[in-house]
Amino acid sequence: MTQTSSIRSNNKPIANLSLDLDNEWAYLKTHENPEWETYPSYLNLVIPRILDNLAARNLRITFFVVGQDAALEYNRHALSQLSNAGHEIGNHSLKHEPWLHLFSEAELEHELAEAERYIQAATGHKPTGFRGPGYSQSFALLRVLRRRGYVYDASSLPSFIGPLARAYYLATGNFGAEQREKLNRLFGSWKDGLRPLKPYLWSFDQTTLLEMPVTTFPIFRVPIHLSYVMFLAGFSPVLAKAYFYTALWSCKIFGIEPSILLHPLDFLGGEDVPRLKFFPSMQMSSKEKIDIVQHCLDNLTHLFDVKTVGEHAAIVNNRQNLTQVTPSNPS
């Protein structure tokens, strides 16, 4: 039996599930809280919590790991648990700076190489998939990823809501002029909402690179990742659960194999990380949030055959006639 036929044997459409392993210091840094410089970490708390919920559903997913966390000895035991449990390890940059689009090719080369080195040392795996922090992406980044042998990028969020999310983020933080300039493309632009929802190929320099977009609600192009669901749950948990279930059914109707995204804060309440109570949904308890995560994961596994991003990418790469897109501003 081939790998593809085995994967399809349960007759469910495919989905993938990933988690961007953003740490406490990264959130503090982007809000210009000087406490970030001590690299406070909640990984030892949240990773076992995440792994327990995944194991209960027999799920293997992709964890996009930040190189700086892998470089710190006190995070290494927690990070090693991810690969020991059979999860795919991806690269989420070295310093989790959501302005990678401002980096030169040489800077990006260093950023990825150093992250790879630390991540491989901590987990035993060299990443072949990448997601930019804040969905940051550029033509230079795609070039570097292709040159370094990456199989896929997963930095695209095809949504019209990015500028609104950025405005809210900037309004709730204490940012100086320089920081605001760096964040002026956080979460993308309006035109990102026109990008394909299905996987596609970036075409450049007589080569291609597979893009695995984070799925948004078909037609409406609003986010359906779990952090957005948690934001809705701050108003009504019932509404949030219904929204996610409806989004999954919409994906089935439109033939979209969803790429669903988690974050550590989906498993953490305000009581766990008091310094991050300024974030949406951090007024909720961890118990309330985990109840929503469990409900959403149960719906996802009921409707779809859930794989890692890498497994999904391998299947997609064997398909014919993928859409090809030329990156903008190829300079």
Protein backbone atom coordinates (compact mmCIF):
# COMPACT_ATOMS: atom_id res chain seq x y z
CA MET A 1 0.00 0.00 0.00
CA THR A 2 1.38 3.42 -0.89
CA GLN A 3 1.80 6.19 1.67
CA THR A 4 -0.93 8.25 0.00
CA SER A 5 -3.46 5.42 -0.10
CA SER A 6 -2.72 4.58 3.53
CA ILE A 7 -3.27 8.18 4.56
CA ARG A 8 -6.57 8.29 2.71
CA SER A 9 -7.77 4.91 3.95
CA ASN A 10 -10.24 6.39 6.45
CA ASN A 11 -12.01 8.30 3.63
CA LYS A 12 -11.74 11.62 5.46
CA PRO A 13 -10.29 14.69 3.74
CA ILE A 14 -6.87 15.75 4.97
CA ALA A 15 -6.07 18.63 7.32
CA ASN A 16 -2.90 19.68 9.08
CA LEU A 17 -2.37 21.05 12.56
CA SER A 18 0.54 23.15 13.81
CA LEU A 19 1.55 25.22 16.81
CA ASP A 20 3.73 28.34 16.78
CA LEU A 21 5.73 27.94 19.98
CA ASP A 22 5.94 31.64 20.83
CA ASN A 23 7.31 32.17 24.33
CA GLU A 24 6.55 34.73 27.03
CA TRP A 25 9.67 36.80 26.30
CA ALA A 26 8.70 37.14 22.63
CA TYR A 27 5.35 38.70 23.53
CA LEU A 28 6.98 41.01 26.06
CA LYS A 29 9.61 42.03 23.52
CA THR A 30 7.12 43.05 20.84
CA HIS A 31 5.32 45.13 23.49
CA GLU A 32 8.60 46.79 24.48
CA ASN A 33 8.50 45.43 28.02
CA PRO A 34 12.14 45.37 29.18
CA GLU A 35 11.54 42.20 31.19
CA TRP A 36 11.89 40.26 27.94
CA GLU A 37 15.68 40.56 28.19
CA THR A 38 15.76 37.87 30.91
CA TYR A 39 14.00 35.46 28.49
CA PRO A 40 11.18 34.38 30.81
CA SER A 41 9.76 31.07 29.64
CA TYR A 42 6.57 29.13 30.19
CA LEU A 43 7.64 26.16 28.02
CA ASN A 44 8.16 23.81 30.98
CA LEU A 45 4.59 24.56 32.04
CA VAL A 46 2.75 24.57 28.74
CA ILE A 47 4.47 21.87 26.66
CA PRO A 48 3.37 18.95 28.90
CA ARG A 49 -0.14 20.43 28.89
CA ILE A 50 -0.18 20.61 25.10
CA LEU A 51 1.30 17.13 24.66
CA ASP A 52 -1.28 15.58 27.00
CA ASN A 53 -4.13 17.03 24.94
CA LEU A 54 -2.58 15.86 21.66
CA ALA A 55 -1.80 12.38 22.97
CA ALA A 56 -5.39 11.98 24.16
CA ARG A 57 -6.44 12.36 20.49
CA ASN A 58 -3.52 10.44 19.01
CA LEU A 59 -2.39 13.56 17.16
CA ARG A 60 1.06 14.30 15.77
CA ILE A 61 1.43 17.91 14.69
CA THR A 62 4.08 20.44 13.65
CA PHE A 63 5.72 22.64 16.28
CA PHE A 64 7.40 25.75 14.88
CA VAL A 65 10.20 26.39 17.39
CA VAL A 66 12.04 29.67 18.01
CA GLY A 67 15.82 29.25 17.85
CA GLN A 68 16.47 31.49 20.85
CA ASP A 69 14.42 29.18 23.06
CA ALA A 70 16.31 26.15 21.80
CA ALA A 71 19.58 27.94 22.63
CA LEU A 72 18.69 28.21 26.33
CA GLU A 73 19.52 25.19 28.45
CA TYR A 74 16.46 25.57 30.70
CA ASN A 75 14.12 25.03 27.73
CA ARG A 76 15.84 22.00 26.25
CA HIS A 77 14.13 19.27 28.26
CA ALA A 78 10.70 20.59 27.33
CA LEU A 79 11.66 20.94 23.66
CA SER A 80 13.12 17.44 23.52
CA GLN A 81 9.72 16.11 24.61
CA LEU A 82 8.24 17.33 21.32
CA SER A 83 10.47 15.25 19.08
CA ASN A 84 10.41 12.31 21.52
CA ALA A 85 6.63 12.25 21.09
CA GLY A 86 7.00 12.06 17.30
CA HIS A 87 5.99 15.59 16.38
CA GLU A 88 7.45 17.45 13.41
CA ILE A 89 9.81 20.30 14.27
CA GLY A 90 9.71 23.47 12.15
CA ASN A 91 11.67 26.73 12.21
CA HIS A 92 9.96 29.83 13.61
CA SER A 93 13.04 32.10 13.21
CA LEU A 94 15.91 32.82 15.60
CA LYS A 95 14.69 35.88 17.53
CA HIS A 96 10.94 35.88 16.74
CA GLU A 97 11.05 39.34 15.20
CA PRO A 98 7.91 39.92 13.10
CA TRP A 99 9.71 42.24 10.71
CA LEU A 100 11.69 39.64 8.78
CA HIS A 101 10.44 41.33 5.61
CA LEU A 102 12.93 44.13 6.40
CA PHE A 103 15.91 41.75 6.59
CA SER A 104 18.46 41.44 3.78
CA GLU A 105 19.22 38.05 2.28
CA ALA A 106 22.47 37.90 4.24
CA GLU A 107 20.65 38.67 7.50
CA LEU A 108 18.02 36.05 6.72
CA GLU A 109 20.70 33.49 5.91
CA HIS A 110 22.22 34.04 9.36
CA GLU A 111 18.79 34.07 11.05
CA LEU A 112 17.79 30.70 9.61
CA ALA A 113 21.18 29.04 9.97
CA GLU A 114 21.51 29.93 13.65
CA ALA A 115 17.93 28.89 14.40
CA GLU A 116 18.48 25.57 12.64
CA ARG A 117 21.66 24.94 14.62
CA TYR A 118 20.00 25.50 18.00
CA ILE A 119 16.78 23.69 17.11
CA GLN A 120 18.66 20.63 15.88
CA ALA A 121 20.78 20.56 19.03
CA ALA A 122 17.71 20.74 21.27
CA THR A 123 15.38 18.39 19.37
CA GLY A 124 17.61 16.21 17.21
CA HIS A 125 15.84 17.38 14.06
CA LYS A 126 16.85 19.90 11.40
CA PRO A 127 13.73 21.79 10.26
CA THR A 128 12.55 21.59 6.65
CA GLY A 129 9.48 23.79 7.16
CA PHE A 130 9.32 27.45 8.14
CA ARG A 131 6.77 29.94 9.44
CA GLY A 132 7.62 33.60 9.89
CA PRO A 133 6.62 35.31 13.15
CA GLY A 134 3.63 37.58 12.57
CA TYR A 135 3.26 35.86 9.14
CA SER A 136 6.23 37.95 7.94
CA GLN A 137 7.36 37.02 4.47
CA SER A 138 9.41 38.45 1.62
CA PHE A 139 10.89 37.51 -1.72
CA ALA A 140 14.33 37.45 -0.08
CA LEU A 141 13.05 35.02 2.55
CA LEU A 142 11.66 32.66 -0.08
CA ARG A 143 15.01 32.69 -1.85
CA VAL A 144 16.88 31.82 1.33
CA LEU A 145 14.42 29.07 2.23
CA ARG A 146 14.79 27.47 -1.19
CA ARG A 147 18.57 27.78 -1.09
CA ARG A 148 18.73 26.15 2.36
CA GLY A 149 16.68 23.17 1.25
CA TYR A 150 13.35 23.88 2.91
CA VAL A 151 10.46 21.79 1.62
CA TYR A 152 7.73 24.31 2.41
CA ASP A 153 6.93 27.72 3.82
CA ALA A 154 3.83 28.24 5.96
CA SER A 155 3.91 32.01 6.53
CA SER A 156 0.90 33.04 4.46
CA LEU A 157 -2.34 34.11 6.17
CA PRO A 158 -4.81 34.90 3.35
CA SER A 159 -7.03 37.29 5.29
CA PHE A 160 -8.40 40.81 4.92
CA ILE A 161 -8.39 41.31 8.69
CA GLY A 162 -4.62 41.68 9.09
CA PRO A 163 -4.51 45.50 9.09
CA LEU A 164 -7.31 45.62 11.67
CA ALA A 165 -5.46 43.16 13.90
CA ARG A 166 -2.31 45.25 13.51
CA ALA A 167 -4.16 48.45 14.45
CA TYR A 168 -5.54 46.77 17.58
CA TYR A 169 -2.10 45.41 18.48
CA LEU A 170 -0.45 48.81 18.12
CA ALA A 171 -3.23 50.55 20.04
CA THR A 172 -2.82 48.24 23.03
CA GLY A 173 0.98 48.48 23.24
CA ASN A 174 3.44 51.17 24.25
CA PHE A 175 5.48 51.46 21.06
CA GLY A 176 7.99 54.07 20.00
CA ALA A 177 8.25 55.43 16.46
CA GLU A 178 11.01 53.01 15.47
CA GLN A 179 9.10 50.00 16.74
CA ARG A 180 5.93 51.13 14.97
CA GLU A 181 7.86 51.40 11.72
CA LYS A 182 9.11 47.85 12.12
CA LEU A 183 5.58 46.62 12.85
CA ASN A 184 3.94 48.41 9.93
CA ARG A 185 3.40 45.12 8.08
CA LEU A 186 2.62 42.90 11.05
CA PHE A 187 -0.12 40.39 10.11
CA GLY A 188 0.14 41.39 6.43
CA SER A 189 -1.77 43.77 4.17
CA TRP A 190 -5.25 43.89 2.62
CA LYS A 191 -4.00 42.27 -0.59
CA ASP A 192 -2.93 39.18 1.35
CA GLY A 193 -6.63 38.34 1.52
CA LEU A 194 -6.51 37.64 -2.22
CA ARG A 195 -3.90 34.89 -1.93
CA PRO A 196 -4.99 31.27 -2.47
CA LEU A 197 -6.45 29.33 0.44
CA LYS A 198 -5.18 26.06 -0.97
CA PRO A 199 -1.47 25.14 -1.11
CA TYR A 200 0.38 26.65 -4.05
CA LEU A 201 3.85 27.08 -5.48
CA TRP A 202 5.91 30.23 -5.28
CA SER A 203 7.64 30.47 -8.65
CA PHE A 204 10.94 32.39 -8.87
CA ASP A 205 14.53 32.08 -10.11
CA GLN A 206 13.62 29.07 -12.30
CA THR A 207 12.55 27.13 -9.21
CA THR A 208 9.55 26.75 -6.91
CA LEU A 209 8.77 26.52 -3.20
CA LEU A 210 5.59 25.07 -1.76
CA GLU A 211 3.43 27.42 0.31
CA MET A 212 1.12 25.89 2.92
CA PRO A 213 -1.18 28.79 3.90
CA VAL A 214 -2.79 29.07 7.32
CA THR A 215 -6.45 28.57 6.44
CA THR A 216 -9.00 31.34 6.82
CA PHE A 217 -12.79 31.17 6.49
CA PRO A 218 -13.69 30.49 2.84
CA ILE A 219 -15.22 33.53 1.05
CA PHE A 220 -15.06 35.77 4.14
CA ARG A 221 -11.30 35.33 4.66
CA VAL A 222 -11.42 35.90 8.41
CA PRO A 223 -9.12 33.84 10.66
CA ILE A 224 -10.15 30.49 12.07
CA HIS A 225 -6.97 29.71 14.03
CA LEU A 226 -7.56 28.95 17.69
CA SER A 227 -6.30 32.28 19.03
CA TYR A 228 -9.04 34.02 17.04
CA VAL A 229 -11.55 31.48 18.34
CA MET A 230 -10.37 32.36 21.86
CA PHE A 231 -10.91 36.03 21.11
CA LEU A 232 -14.53 35.23 20.18
CA ALA A 233 -14.86 33.08 23.30
CA GLY A 234 -14.20 36.19 25.37
CA PHE A 235 -17.66 37.29 24.21
CA SER A 236 -19.35 33.89 24.02
CA PRO A 237 -17.79 30.41 24.26
CA VAL A 238 -20.86 28.94 22.56
CA LEU A 239 -20.49 31.36 19.64
CA ALA A 240 -16.76 30.61 19.37
CA LYS A 241 -17.30 26.86 19.19
CA ALA A 242 -20.09 27.23 16.64
CA TYR A 243 -17.92 29.56 14.54
CA PHE A 244 -15.06 27.05 14.37
CA TYR A 245 -17.35 24.15 13.51
CA THR A 246 -19.03 26.17 10.78
CA ALA A 247 -15.64 27.16 9.37
CA LEU A 248 -14.56 23.51 9.21
CA TRP A 249 -17.74 22.55 7.36
CA SER A 250 -17.20 25.43 4.96
CA CYS A 251 -13.74 24.05 4.21
CA LYS A 252 -15.27 20.66 3.43
CA ILE A 253 -17.89 22.21 1.16
CA PHE A 254 -15.28 24.22 -0.79
CA GLY A 255 -12.81 21.34 -0.98
CA ILE A 256 -10.21 23.05 1.18
CA GLU A 257 -7.91 20.89 3.31
CA PRO A 258 -7.52 23.18 6.31
CA SER A 259 -4.27 24.18 7.95
CA ILE A 260 -5.21 24.93 11.55
CA LEU A 261 -2.93 26.87 13.88
CA LEU A 262 -2.49 26.77 17.65
CA HIS A 263 -0.45 28.93 20.06
CA PRO A 264 0.70 28.26 23.62
CA LEU A 265 -1.64 30.96 24.94
CA ASP A 266 -4.55 28.78 23.79
CA PHE A 267 -3.59 26.51 26.71
CA LEU A 268 -2.68 29.19 29.25
CA GLY A 269 -4.89 31.42 31.38
CA GLY A 270 -4.19 34.74 32.99
CA GLU A 271 -3.40 32.95 36.24
CA ASP A 272 -0.51 31.15 34.49
CA VAL A 273 1.18 34.19 32.95
CA PRO A 274 0.09 37.39 34.78
CA ARG A 275 2.40 39.62 32.69
CA LEU A 276 0.45 38.73 29.54
CA LYS A 277 -2.99 39.68 30.81
CA PHE A 278 -3.06 42.51 28.25
CA PHE A 279 -3.61 39.89 25.52
CA PRO A 280 -7.12 39.13 24.28
CA SER A 281 -8.61 36.09 26.02
CA MET A 282 -6.03 36.15 28.82
CA GLN A 283 -8.79 37.14 31.21
CA MET A 284 -10.04 33.58 30.81
CA SER A 285 -8.77 30.72 32.96
CA SER A 286 -6.67 27.90 31.54
CA LYS A 287 -9.51 25.48 32.29
CA GLU A 288 -11.95 27.53 30.21
CA LYS A 289 -9.51 27.80 27.33
CA ILE A 290 -8.52 24.14 27.30
CA ASP A 291 -12.20 23.18 27.22
CA ILE A 292 -12.54 25.19 24.00
CA VAL A 293 -9.34 23.73 22.52
CA GLN A 294 -10.52 20.20 23.27
CA HIS A 295 -13.89 20.87 21.70
CA CYS A 296 -12.28 22.30 18.55
CA LEU A 297 -9.74 19.48 18.24
CA ASP A 298 -12.48 16.89 18.63
CA ASN A 299 -14.44 18.54 15.81
CA LEU A 300 -11.34 18.73 13.64
CA THR A 301 -10.46 15.05 14.10
CA HIS A 302 -14.08 14.04 13.54
CA LEU A 303 -14.24 15.76 10.15
CA PHE A 304 -10.64 15.44 8.91
CA ASP A 305 -7.65 13.13 8.88
CA VAL A 306 -5.19 15.37 10.73
CA LYS A 307 -1.51 15.30 9.76
CA THR A 308 1.61 17.34 10.37
CA VAL A 309 2.27 20.18 7.94
CA GLY A 310 5.18 18.20 6.52
CA GLU A 311 3.06 15.11 5.88
CA HIS A 312 0.40 17.23 4.22
CA ALA A 313 3.06 19.00 2.14
CA ALA A 314 4.43 15.66 0.93
CA ILE A 315 0.98 14.68 -0.33
CA VAL A 316 0.40 18.05 -1.98
CA ASN A 317 3.80 17.98 -3.69
CA ASN A 318 2.74 14.82 -5.54
CA ARG A 319 -0.27 16.54 -7.07
CA GLN A 320 -0.35 17.96 -10.55
CA ASN A 321 -1.27 21.46 -11.70
CA LEU A 322 -0.73 23.35 -8.45
CA THR A 323 -1.32 27.08 -8.80
CA GLN A 324 1.93 29.00 -9.31
CA VAL A 325 2.33 32.50 -7.88
CA THR A 326 5.15 34.95 -8.56
CA PRO A 327 6.35 36.81 -5.43
CA SER A 328 5.87 40.56 -5.48
CA ASN A 329 8.80 42.99 -5.45
CA PRO A 330 11.44 40.52 -6.65
CA SER A 331 14.50 42.64 -5.90
